Amino acid sequence: MENILLKKIEKCRREMIALSFSHGLTSEAVVQTSKRLDALLNEYQRKKVG
């Protein structure tokens, strides 16, 4: 399960970086992807701690 979550985090991170190059850092697409990445990272942190 942890490995799947890490793969989702990495995919989302790469997507956000690609979007930032094509749309700029403040675009809505980048902001939404960043929020999705934050949620995944929070989930990962909860699973590691708890």
N, C-alpha and C. Protein backbone atom coordinates (compact mmCIF):
# COMPACT_ATOMS: atom_id res chain seq x y z
N MET A 1 0.82 -1.19 0.00
CA MET A 1 0.00 0.00 0.00
C MET A 1 0.87 1.26 0.00
N GLU A 2 1.90 1.27 0.81
CA GLU A 2 2.78 2.43 0.90
C GLU A 2 3.45 2.71 -0.45
N ASN A 3 3.86 1.64 -1.13
CA ASN A 3 4.52 1.79 -2.42
C ASN A 3 3.58 2.42 -3.45
N ILE A 4 2.31 2.03 -3.43
CA ILE A 4 1.31 2.60 -4.34
C ILE A 4 1.15 4.09 -4.07
N LEU A 5 1.07 4.45 -2.81
CA LEU A 5 0.92 5.85 -2.44
C LEU A 5 2.14 6.66 -2.87
N LEU A 6 3.32 6.11 -2.70
CA LEU A 6 4.54 6.81 -3.13
C LEU A 6 4.55 7.02 -4.64
N LYS A 7 4.05 6.05 -5.38
CA LYS A 7 3.98 6.19 -6.84
C LYS A 7 2.98 7.27 -7.23
N LYS A 8 1.87 7.36 -6.51
CA LYS A 8 0.88 8.41 -6.77
C LYS A 8 1.49 9.78 -6.48
N ILE A 9 2.25 9.87 -5.38
CA ILE A 9 2.90 11.13 -5.02
C ILE A 9 3.88 11.55 -6.11
N GLU A 10 4.69 10.62 -6.56
CA GLU A 10 5.69 10.93 -7.59
C GLU A 10 5.01 11.34 -8.90
N LYS A 11 3.96 10.65 -9.28
CA LYS A 11 3.23 10.99 -10.51
C LYS A 11 2.64 12.39 -10.42
N CYS A 12 2.04 12.71 -9.30
CA CYS A 12 1.43 14.01 -9.10
C CYS A 12 2.49 15.11 -9.09
N ARG A 13 3.61 14.84 -8.47
CA ARG A 13 4.71 15.81 -8.43
C ARG A 13 5.22 16.11 -9.84
N ARG A 14 5.40 15.06 -10.63
CA ARG A 14 5.87 15.25 -12.01
C ARG A 14 4.85 16.02 -12.84
N GLU A 15 3.59 15.70 -12.64
CA GLU A 15 2.52 16.40 -13.35
C GLU A 15 2.54 17.90 -13.01
N MET A 16 2.70 18.20 -11.72
CA MET A 16 2.73 19.59 -11.29
C MET A 16 3.91 20.34 -11.90
N ILE A 17 5.06 19.71 -11.94
CA ILE A 17 6.24 20.34 -12.53
C ILE A 17 6.02 20.60 -14.02
N ALA A 18 5.49 19.62 -14.73
CA ALA A 18 5.22 19.79 -16.16
C ALA A 18 4.22 20.91 -16.40
N LEU A 19 3.17 20.94 -15.60
CA LEU A 19 2.17 21.99 -15.74
C LEU A 19 2.76 23.37 -15.46
N SER A 20 3.65 23.44 -14.48
CA SER A 20 4.25 24.74 -14.15
C SER A 20 5.10 25.28 -15.29
N PHE A 21 5.75 24.38 -16.03
CA PHE A 21 6.54 24.82 -17.18
C PHE A 21 5.64 25.31 -18.32
N SER A 22 4.52 24.64 -18.51
CA SER A 22 3.67 25.00 -19.65
C SER A 22 2.65 26.10 -19.34
N HIS A 23 2.24 26.23 -18.06
CA HIS A 23 1.19 27.18 -17.72
C HIS A 23 1.62 28.27 -16.74
N GLY A 24 2.78 28.12 -16.12
CA GLY A 24 3.22 29.08 -15.11
C GLY A 24 2.83 28.61 -13.71
N LEU A 25 3.59 29.06 -12.74
CA LEU A 25 3.42 28.58 -11.37
C LEU A 25 2.09 28.95 -10.73
N THR A 26 1.50 30.04 -11.17
CA THR A 26 0.27 30.50 -10.52
C THR A 26 -1.01 30.10 -11.27
N SER A 27 -0.87 29.25 -12.28
CA SER A 27 -2.06 28.84 -13.04
C SER A 27 -2.96 27.97 -12.17
N GLU A 28 -4.24 27.97 -12.48
CA GLU A 28 -5.21 27.19 -11.72
C GLU A 28 -4.88 25.69 -11.77
N ALA A 29 -4.41 25.21 -12.91
CA ALA A 29 -4.07 23.79 -13.05
C ALA A 29 -2.94 23.40 -12.09
N VAL A 30 -1.94 24.27 -11.97
CA VAL A 30 -0.82 23.99 -11.07
C VAL A 30 -1.29 24.05 -9.61
N VAL A 31 -2.09 25.03 -9.29
CA VAL A 31 -2.60 25.17 -7.92
C VAL A 31 -3.43 23.94 -7.53
N GLN A 32 -4.30 23.49 -8.41
CA GLN A 32 -5.13 22.32 -8.11
C GLN A 32 -4.28 21.06 -7.96
N THR A 33 -3.28 20.91 -8.82
CA THR A 33 -2.39 19.75 -8.72
C THR A 33 -1.57 19.82 -7.43
N SER A 34 -1.16 21.01 -7.04
CA SER A 34 -0.44 21.19 -5.79
C SER A 34 -1.30 20.78 -4.59
N LYS A 35 -2.56 21.14 -4.63
CA LYS A 35 -3.47 20.75 -3.55
C LYS A 35 -3.64 19.24 -3.49
N ARG A 36 -3.73 18.61 -4.67
CA ARG A 36 -3.83 17.16 -4.72
C ARG A 36 -2.57 16.51 -4.15
N LEU A 37 -1.41 17.07 -4.50
CA LEU A 37 -0.14 16.57 -3.98
C LEU A 37 -0.07 16.75 -2.47
N ASP A 38 -0.51 17.89 -1.97
CA ASP A 38 -0.54 18.12 -0.52
C ASP A 38 -1.37 17.06 0.19
N ALA A 39 -2.53 16.74 -0.38
CA ALA A 39 -3.40 15.74 0.23
C ALA A 39 -2.72 14.37 0.24
N LEU A 40 -2.05 14.02 -0.83
CA LEU A 40 -1.34 12.74 -0.88
C LEU A 40 -0.20 12.71 0.13
N LEU A 41 0.53 13.81 0.24
CA LEU A 41 1.63 13.87 1.21
C LEU A 41 1.11 13.81 2.64
N ASN A 42 -0.01 14.45 2.90
CA ASN A 42 -0.62 14.38 4.23
C ASN A 42 -1.04 12.95 4.55
N GLU A 43 -1.62 12.28 3.58
CA GLU A 43 -2.02 10.88 3.78
C GLU A 43 -0.81 10.01 4.07
N TYR A 44 0.27 10.22 3.32
CA TYR A 44 1.49 9.46 3.54
C TYR A 44 2.04 9.71 4.95
N GLN A 45 2.06 10.96 5.35
CA GLN A 45 2.55 11.31 6.68
C GLN A 45 1.72 10.66 7.78
N ARG A 46 0.40 10.68 7.62
CA ARG A 46 -0.48 10.04 8.61
C ARG A 46 -0.19 8.55 8.72
N LYS A 47 0.04 7.91 7.59
CA LYS A 47 0.29 6.46 7.60
C LYS A 47 1.66 6.14 8.21
N LYS A 48 2.63 7.02 8.01
CA LYS A 48 3.96 6.79 8.58
C LYS A 48 3.96 6.99 10.09
N VAL A 49 3.24 8.00 10.56
CA VAL A 49 3.21 8.32 11.99
C VAL A 49 2.27 7.39 12.73
N GLY A 50 1.10 7.19 12.17
CA GLY A 50 0.06 6.42 12.87
C GLY A 50 0.07 5.01 12.48
